[in-house]
C-alpha atoms as a PDB file:
ATOM      1  CA  MET A   1       0.000   0.000   0.000  1.00  0.00           C
ATOM      2  CA  GLN A   2       2.919   2.285   0.682  1.00  0.00           C
ATOM      3  CA  GLN A   3       4.080   1.938  -2.925  1.00  0.00           C
ATOM      4  CA  LEU A   4       0.709   3.098  -4.215  1.00  0.00           C
ATOM      5  CA  GLU A   5       0.613   5.971  -1.741  1.00  0.00           C
ATOM      6  CA  GLN A   6       4.112   7.034  -2.799  1.00  0.00           C
ATOM      7  CA  LEU A   7       3.165   6.817  -6.475  1.00  0.00           C
ATOM      8  CA  LEU A   8       0.137   9.047  -5.901  1.00  0.00           C
ATOM      9  CA  SER A   9       2.286  11.540  -4.047  1.00  0.00           C
ATOM     10  CA  GLU A  10       4.884  11.620  -6.815  1.00  0.00           C
ATOM     11  CA  LYS A  11       2.547  11.640  -9.819  1.00  0.00           C
ATOM     12  CA  LEU A  12      -0.202  13.863  -8.459  1.00  0.00           C
ATOM     13  CA  GLY A  13       1.675  15.958  -5.938  1.00  0.00           C
ATOM     14  CA  LEU A  14      -0.502  14.774  -3.061  1.00  0.00           C
ATOM     15  CA  SER A  15       0.661  14.934   0.521  1.00  0.00           C
ATOM     16  CA  ALA A  16       1.319  11.652   2.294  1.00  0.00           C
ATOM     17  CA  GLU A  17      -1.959  12.042   4.188  1.00  0.00           C
ATOM     18  CA  GLN A  18      -3.929  12.766   1.005  1.00  0.00           C
ATOM     19  CA  SER A  19      -2.396   9.770  -0.735  1.00  0.00           C
ATOM     20  CA  GLN A  20      -3.238   7.513   2.192  1.00  0.00           C
ATOM     21  CA  GLN A  21      -6.842   8.755   2.199  1.00  0.00           C
ATOM     22  CA  ALA A  22      -7.134   8.249  -1.562  1.00  0.00           C
ATOM     23  CA  VAL A  23      -5.843   4.676  -1.391  1.00  0.00           C
ATOM     24  CA  THR A  24      -8.086   3.832   1.565  1.00  0.00           C
ATOM     25  CA  THR A  25     -11.103   5.271  -0.260  1.00  0.00           C
ATOM     26  CA  VAL A  26     -10.438   3.386  -3.498  1.00  0.00           C
ATOM     27  CA  LEU A  27      -9.760   0.098  -1.734  1.00  0.00           C
ATOM     28  CA  GLY A  28     -12.940   0.499   0.291  1.00  0.00           C
ATOM     29  CA  PHE A  29     -14.886   1.190  -2.901  1.00  0.00           C
ATOM     30  CA  LEU A  30     -13.551  -1.953  -4.537  1.00  0.00           C
ATOM     31  CA  LYS A  31     -14.136  -4.160  -1.523  1.00  0.00           C
ATOM     32  CA  GLU A  32     -17.730  -2.966  -1.140  1.00  0.00           C
ATOM     33  CA  ARG A  33     -18.471  -4.034  -4.697  1.00  0.00           C
ATOM     34  CA  LEU A  34     -16.660  -7.356  -4.728  1.00  0.00           C
ATOM     35  CA  PRO A  35     -18.100 -10.597  -3.404  1.00  0.00           C
ATOM     36  CA  GLU A  36     -16.836 -11.313   0.082  1.00  0.00           C
ATOM     37  CA  ASN A  37     -14.724 -14.250  -1.103  1.00  0.00           C
ATOM     38  CA  LEU A  38     -12.728 -11.912  -3.387  1.00  0.00           C
ATOM     39  CA  GLN A  39     -12.121  -9.068  -0.957  1.00  0.00           C
ATOM     40  CA  GLY A  40      -8.979 -10.742   0.324  1.00  0.00           C
ATOM     41  CA  PHE A  41      -7.385 -10.271  -3.084  1.00  0.00           C
ATOM     42  CA  VAL A  42      -7.740  -6.503  -2.711  1.00  0.00           C
ATOM     43  CA  ASP A  43      -6.110  -6.649   0.720  1.00  0.00           C
ATOM     44  CA  ALA A  44      -3.303  -8.869  -0.553  1.00  0.00           C
ATOM     45  CA  ALA A  45      -2.594  -6.623  -3.533  1.00  0.00           C
ATOM     46  CA  ALA A  46      -2.659  -3.527  -1.324  1.00  0.00           C
ATOM     47  CA  GLU A  47      -0.096  -5.127   0.961  1.00  0.00           C
ATOM     48  CA  GLY A  48       2.138  -5.867  -2.031  1.00  0.00           C
ATOM     49  CA  LYS A  49       1.652  -9.608  -1.807  1.00  0.00           C
ATOM     50  CA  GLU A  50       1.838 -11.591  -4.990  1.00  0.00           C
ATOM     51  CA  ILE A  51      -1.463 -13.158  -5.980  1.00  0.00           C
ATOM     52  CA  ASP A  52      -1.235 -16.730  -7.208  1.00  0.00           C
ATOM     53  CA  ALA A  53      -2.485 -16.773 -10.821  1.00  0.00           C
ATOM     54  CA  THR A  54      -3.874 -20.282 -10.407  1.00  0.00           C
ATOM     55  CA  LEU A  55      -6.272 -18.985  -7.768  1.00  0.00           C
ATOM     56  CA  LEU A  56      -7.469 -16.301 -10.140  1.00  0.00           C
ATOM     57  CA  ASP A  57      -7.933 -18.815 -12.949  1.00  0.00           C
ATOM     58  CA  GLY A  58     -10.443 -20.662 -10.786  1.00  0.00           C
ATOM     59  CA  LEU A  59     -12.412 -17.450 -10.277  1.00  0.00           C
ATOM     60  CA  LYS A  60     -12.774 -16.374 -13.920  1.00  0.00           C
ATOM     61  CA  ASP A  61     -16.475 -17.187 -14.056  1.00  0.00           C
ATOM     62  CA  LYS A  62     -17.128 -15.147 -10.934  1.00  0.00           C
ATOM     63  CA  LEU A  63     -15.089 -12.221 -12.236  1.00  0.00           C
ATOM     64  CA  GLY A  64     -16.705 -12.114 -15.675  1.00  0.00           C
ATOM     65  CA  GLY A  65     -19.403  -9.632 -14.695  1.00  0.00           C
ATOM     66  CA  LEU A  66     -17.014  -7.189 -13.033  1.00  0.00           C
ATOM     67  CA  GLY A  67     -15.765  -5.634 -16.277  1.00  0.00           C
ATOM     68  CA  GLY A  68     -18.695  -3.226 -16.313  1.00  0.00           C
ATOM     69  CA  MET A  69     -17.717  -1.972 -12.882  1.00  0.00           C
ATOM     70  CA  PHE A  70     -14.624  -0.450 -14.442  1.00  0.00           C
ATOM     71  CA  GLY A  71     -16.239   0.605 -17.692  1.00  0.00           C
ATOM     72  CA  GLY A  72     -14.779  -2.337 -19.642  1.00  0.00           C
END
């Protein structure tokens, strides 16, 4: 999460506090809209943990309808 906060600070000129608030807000938004069994992926990614691609392969059917959430 610190990497994302730092990136926001560098690219957008946000203070550390603003970057932290932005990341927290976006992650909260995503987690509210994801099924409970997928929310852990958001937490893991935010913590910089690598997500096992084989786990994601098993969730493709569940993720199929999420493209519209991001305009895709």
